[in-house]
Amino acid sequence: MLVIVPFARGQAGVDIAIGFGYAHDKANSGGIDNASSPTAYDACTPGSGDTYCQSLPALSSFLLGFSGDIMFKQKFGFGMEANVQPSRSNYGPLLSRETLVDFNGVYEPVSQKRFSLQLQGGIGFARTSFAVNESECVGSVVCSSATEPVGNASHFQVHFGAGVQIYVTEHIFIRPQFDLHYVPGLTAQFGSNLVPAGTIWIGYNLGHSQ
C-alpha cells in the first residue's frame, strides 16, 4: 500500500476494504471412502453398497475478503479481490478450504458524492485445499490430534461483480456486492462450475472528496 498511496493524489481514488461474504455451489454426486476403508480416500459412488463411502457436500460457506483498487480515471480502474474460507469445513472424510482470487477491470458508470455503482470483470483462480484430521494416543491417557494437508485443486476462473458503494463519511464506505465466479473444472469438487457469492465490503477511499 505504501507504493500505491502516492498514486491517489493524481487519480480519482484508491480503495482498501475488508469483506464479509458467502459463496454457494451445489454438491457433486460423487463420494469418498473414509479412513476405515481398505481403499481410504478413493473416489466412490454413494448408494452402491460401499459402507465406507461418504457423500460429497455442497459449498456453502462464509468467506473473509480483502480488496483494493485504483481508479486511474474518473470511471475506469483496476482492482484485486481475495476471498478465503477462514475455517475448514467437512468434505466427506476430509476437511476443505476454498479460496477465490481475482484481478479485475473496474468501471463506475455512476459516481456521485454519496454513492457510486461499481462493475467489475476479470480473471483469477479458485483453489480447494484438502486436509485430514489425525489423532494419536499413547496408552489411554495422552492423546493428540493434528490437521495434515493432503493436497489442493486449483482452477482458472472468470469473475463478474456488481456493487453499490455508499459513503457513510467522506472516506469510509460500505459496498454490498454480488459476484459470479465461473470456474471451469470445479465440477471435479462440487456440482457446478458457477459459484454465486455475495459480500459486504467495508473500506476506506483515499481520494474521495465531498
Protein backbone atom coordinates (compact mmCIF):
# COMPACT_ATOMS: atom_id res chain seq x y z
CA MET A 1 0.00 0.00 0.00
CA LEU A 2 2.94 2.38 0.57
CA VAL A 3 3.68 2.03 -3.14
CA ILE A 4 0.16 2.77 -4.44
CA VAL A 5 -0.83 5.53 -1.98
CA PRO A 6 1.10 8.27 -3.88
CA PHE A 7 -0.98 7.46 -6.99
CA ALA A 8 -4.13 8.58 -5.17
CA ARG A 9 -3.11 12.24 -5.43
CA GLY A 10 -3.42 12.23 -9.19
CA GLN A 11 -6.24 9.73 -9.60
CA ALA A 12 -9.93 9.56 -8.79
CA GLY A 13 -9.26 7.35 -5.74
CA VAL A 14 -7.75 4.30 -4.10
CA ASP A 15 -10.00 1.87 -2.18
CA ILE A 16 -8.89 -0.51 0.57
CA ALA A 17 -11.55 -2.83 2.03
CA ILE A 18 -12.29 -5.89 4.10
CA GLY A 19 -15.29 -8.04 3.20
CA PHE A 20 -17.66 -10.48 4.85
CA GLY A 21 -19.45 -12.74 2.40
CA TYR A 22 -20.96 -16.07 1.44
CA ALA A 23 -20.45 -18.40 -1.54
CA HIS A 24 -22.53 -21.37 -2.71
CA ASP A 25 -22.20 -24.30 -5.08
CA LYS A 26 -24.33 -27.43 -5.15
CA ALA A 27 -22.90 -30.80 -4.20
CA ASN A 28 -21.11 -33.17 -6.54
CA SER A 29 -22.94 -36.52 -6.86
CA GLY A 30 -19.80 -38.50 -6.00
CA GLY A 31 -18.26 -39.67 -2.75
CA ILE A 32 -15.01 -40.53 -0.96
CA ASP A 33 -14.21 -43.66 1.07
CA ASN A 34 -13.42 -42.83 4.70
CA ALA A 35 -10.27 -43.80 6.63
CA SER A 36 -11.73 -47.16 7.73
CA SER A 37 -11.96 -48.41 4.15
CA PRO A 38 -9.26 -50.64 2.60
CA THR A 39 -9.25 -48.03 -0.20
CA ALA A 40 -9.25 -44.99 2.10
CA TYR A 41 -9.88 -41.61 0.41
CA ASP A 42 -10.51 -43.16 -3.02
CA ALA A 43 -13.48 -41.98 -5.09
CA CYS A 44 -16.68 -43.98 -4.64
CA THR A 45 -20.37 -43.91 -5.55
CA PRO A 46 -22.85 -43.26 -2.71
CA GLY A 47 -25.63 -45.86 -2.57
CA SER A 48 -23.57 -48.50 -4.40
CA GLY A 49 -23.29 -50.78 -1.37
CA ASP A 50 -19.92 -49.43 -0.23
CA THR A 51 -20.50 -48.89 3.50
CA TYR A 52 -17.40 -46.71 3.79
CA CYS A 53 -18.50 -44.27 1.08
CA GLN A 54 -19.32 -40.73 2.25
CA SER A 55 -21.23 -38.29 0.03
CA LEU A 56 -19.58 -35.03 -1.01
CA PRO A 57 -21.07 -31.81 0.40
CA ALA A 58 -22.19 -28.58 -1.23
CA LEU A 59 -20.06 -25.45 -0.98
CA SER A 60 -21.96 -23.26 1.44
CA SER A 61 -19.55 -21.18 3.45
CA PHE A 62 -18.68 -17.85 5.00
CA LEU A 63 -15.80 -16.04 3.28
CA LEU A 64 -13.45 -13.36 4.58
CA GLY A 65 -12.31 -10.95 1.88
CA PHE A 66 -9.59 -8.38 1.24
CA SER A 67 -9.65 -5.98 -1.71
CA GLY A 68 -8.04 -2.91 -3.21
CA ASP A 69 -8.49 -0.87 -6.37
CA ILE A 70 -7.10 2.20 -8.11
CA MET A 71 -9.24 4.42 -10.32
CA PHE A 72 -6.85 5.77 -12.98
CA LYS A 73 -9.62 7.90 -14.48
CA GLN A 74 -12.95 9.01 -13.11
CA LYS A 75 -14.78 5.92 -14.34
CA PHE A 76 -12.09 3.31 -15.04
CA GLY A 77 -9.63 1.48 -12.85
CA PHE A 78 -8.03 -1.78 -11.81
CA GLY A 79 -8.64 -3.89 -8.71
CA MET A 80 -7.89 -7.14 -6.91
CA GLU A 81 -10.01 -9.26 -4.54
CA ALA A 82 -9.11 -12.29 -2.41
CA ASN A 83 -11.77 -14.28 -0.55
CA VAL A 84 -10.87 -17.16 1.73
CA GLN A 85 -12.81 -19.55 3.93
CA PRO A 86 -11.41 -18.79 7.43
CA SER A 87 -12.05 -22.26 8.88
CA ARG A 88 -12.05 -25.65 7.18
CA SER A 89 -15.35 -27.44 6.55
CA ASN A 90 -16.16 -31.13 6.22
CA TYR A 91 -15.68 -32.60 2.75
CA GLY A 92 -16.74 -36.22 3.23
CA PRO A 93 -13.96 -37.75 5.36
CA LEU A 94 -11.65 -34.82 4.51
CA LEU A 95 -11.51 -31.17 5.50
CA SER A 96 -11.56 -28.46 2.84
CA ARG A 97 -10.96 -24.73 2.49
CA GLU A 98 -11.98 -22.61 -0.51
CA THR A 99 -10.02 -19.60 -1.81
CA LEU A 100 -11.09 -17.26 -4.63
CA VAL A 101 -8.68 -14.66 -6.05
CA ASP A 102 -9.44 -12.35 -8.99
CA PHE A 103 -7.88 -9.39 -10.80
CA ASN A 104 -10.43 -7.05 -12.35
CA GLY A 105 -11.05 -4.10 -14.55
CA VAL A 106 -13.34 -1.67 -12.71
CA TYR A 107 -15.97 0.57 -14.31
CA GLU A 108 -18.10 3.14 -12.45
CA PRO A 109 -20.91 4.30 -14.79
CA VAL A 110 -22.49 6.28 -11.93
CA SER A 111 -20.29 8.19 -9.50
CA GLN A 112 -21.76 10.68 -7.03
CA LYS A 113 -20.54 12.20 -3.78
CA ARG A 114 -22.54 9.82 -1.61
CA PHE A 115 -22.59 6.66 -3.74
CA SER A 116 -21.32 5.01 -6.90
CA LEU A 117 -22.25 1.97 -8.99
CA GLN A 118 -19.23 -0.29 -9.48
CA LEU A 119 -18.96 -3.04 -12.12
CA GLN A 120 -16.05 -5.48 -12.19
CA GLY A 121 -14.84 -8.07 -14.66
CA GLY A 122 -11.65 -10.09 -14.69
CA ILE A 123 -9.83 -13.37 -14.26
CA GLY A 124 -8.11 -15.22 -11.44
CA PHE A 125 -8.04 -18.62 -9.78
CA ALA A 126 -10.03 -20.77 -7.37
CA ARG A 127 -8.35 -23.24 -5.03
CA THR A 128 -9.83 -26.02 -2.91
CA SER A 129 -7.31 -27.17 -0.26
CA PHE A 130 -7.74 -30.55 1.42
CA ALA A 131 -6.54 -31.87 4.78
CA VAL A 132 -7.14 -34.77 7.18
CA ASN A 133 -7.52 -34.65 10.93
CA GLU A 134 -5.39 -37.38 12.55
CA SER A 135 -5.35 -38.44 16.21
CA GLU A 136 -2.71 -40.46 18.07
CA CYS A 137 -2.71 -41.77 21.62
CA VAL A 138 0.00 -43.04 23.97
CA GLY A 139 -1.79 -45.55 26.15
CA SER A 140 -5.30 -44.41 27.02
CA VAL A 141 -4.44 -41.09 28.66
CA VAL A 142 -2.22 -38.95 26.43
CA CYS A 143 -3.76 -38.17 23.05
CA SER A 144 -3.03 -35.53 20.43
CA SER A 145 -4.55 -34.53 17.13
CA ALA A 146 -3.18 -32.66 14.12
CA THR A 147 -4.54 -31.44 10.80
CA GLU A 148 -2.32 -32.54 7.92
CA PRO A 149 -2.60 -31.03 4.39
CA VAL A 150 -3.06 -33.67 1.69
CA GLY A 151 -3.17 -31.53 -1.46
CA ASN A 152 -5.23 -29.00 -3.34
CA ALA A 153 -7.08 -28.48 -6.61
CA SER A 154 -6.59 -25.16 -8.45
CA HIS A 155 -8.63 -23.85 -11.38
CA PHE A 156 -8.70 -20.80 -13.62
CA GLN A 157 -11.74 -18.58 -13.06
CA VAL A 158 -13.62 -15.72 -14.74
CA HIS A 159 -15.22 -13.19 -12.39
CA PHE A 160 -18.03 -10.66 -12.66
CA GLY A 161 -19.11 -8.37 -9.83
CA ALA A 162 -21.61 -5.54 -9.31
CA GLY A 163 -21.92 -3.40 -6.21
CA VAL A 164 -23.19 -0.08 -4.88
CA GLN A 165 -20.57 1.86 -2.93
CA ILE A 166 -22.24 4.02 -0.25
CA TYR A 167 -20.19 6.64 1.63
CA VAL A 168 -21.09 6.90 5.32
CA THR A 169 -18.40 9.56 5.84
CA GLU A 170 -16.17 11.48 3.44
CA HIS A 171 -13.83 8.49 3.04
CA ILE A 172 -15.42 5.45 4.73
CA PHE A 173 -17.79 3.36 2.62
CA ILE A 174 -19.94 0.22 2.66
CA ARG A 175 -20.35 -1.73 -0.61
CA PRO A 176 -22.90 -4.55 -0.89
CA GLN A 177 -21.72 -6.60 -3.87
CA PHE A 178 -22.97 -9.57 -5.89
CA ASP A 179 -20.36 -11.80 -7.57
CA LEU A 180 -20.46 -14.61 -10.07
CA HIS A 181 -17.42 -16.87 -10.49
CA TYR A 182 -17.19 -19.19 -13.49
CA VAL A 183 -14.60 -21.87 -12.69
CA PRO A 184 -14.02 -24.46 -15.46
CA GLY A 185 -13.25 -27.83 -13.89
CA LEU A 186 -14.80 -27.09 -10.49
CA THR A 187 -17.28 -29.94 -11.06
CA ALA A 188 -14.43 -32.25 -10.00
CA GLN A 189 -15.06 -30.94 -6.45
CA PHE A 190 -18.61 -29.56 -6.49
CA GLY A 191 -21.76 -29.78 -8.60
CA SER A 192 -21.40 -26.73 -10.87
CA ASN A 193 -18.77 -24.51 -12.46
CA LEU A 194 -20.81 -21.43 -11.48
CA VAL A 195 -20.32 -20.07 -7.96
CA PRO A 196 -22.59 -17.16 -6.96
CA ALA A 197 -21.45 -15.10 -3.97
CA GLY A 198 -22.42 -12.02 -2.02
CA THR A 199 -20.15 -9.76 0.03
CA ILE A 200 -20.46 -6.70 2.25
CA TRP A 201 -17.28 -4.65 1.86
CA ILE A 202 -16.28 -2.06 4.45
CA GLY A 203 -13.49 0.20 3.33
CA TYR A 204 -11.63 3.46 3.10
CA ASN A 205 -11.19 5.61 -0.01
CA LEU A 206 -8.03 7.73 -0.17
CA GLY A 207 -9.16 10.01 -2.96
CA HIS A 208 -12.90 10.57 -2.45
CA SER A 209 -13.98 14.11 -1.65
CA GLN A 210 -17.33 15.65 -0.84
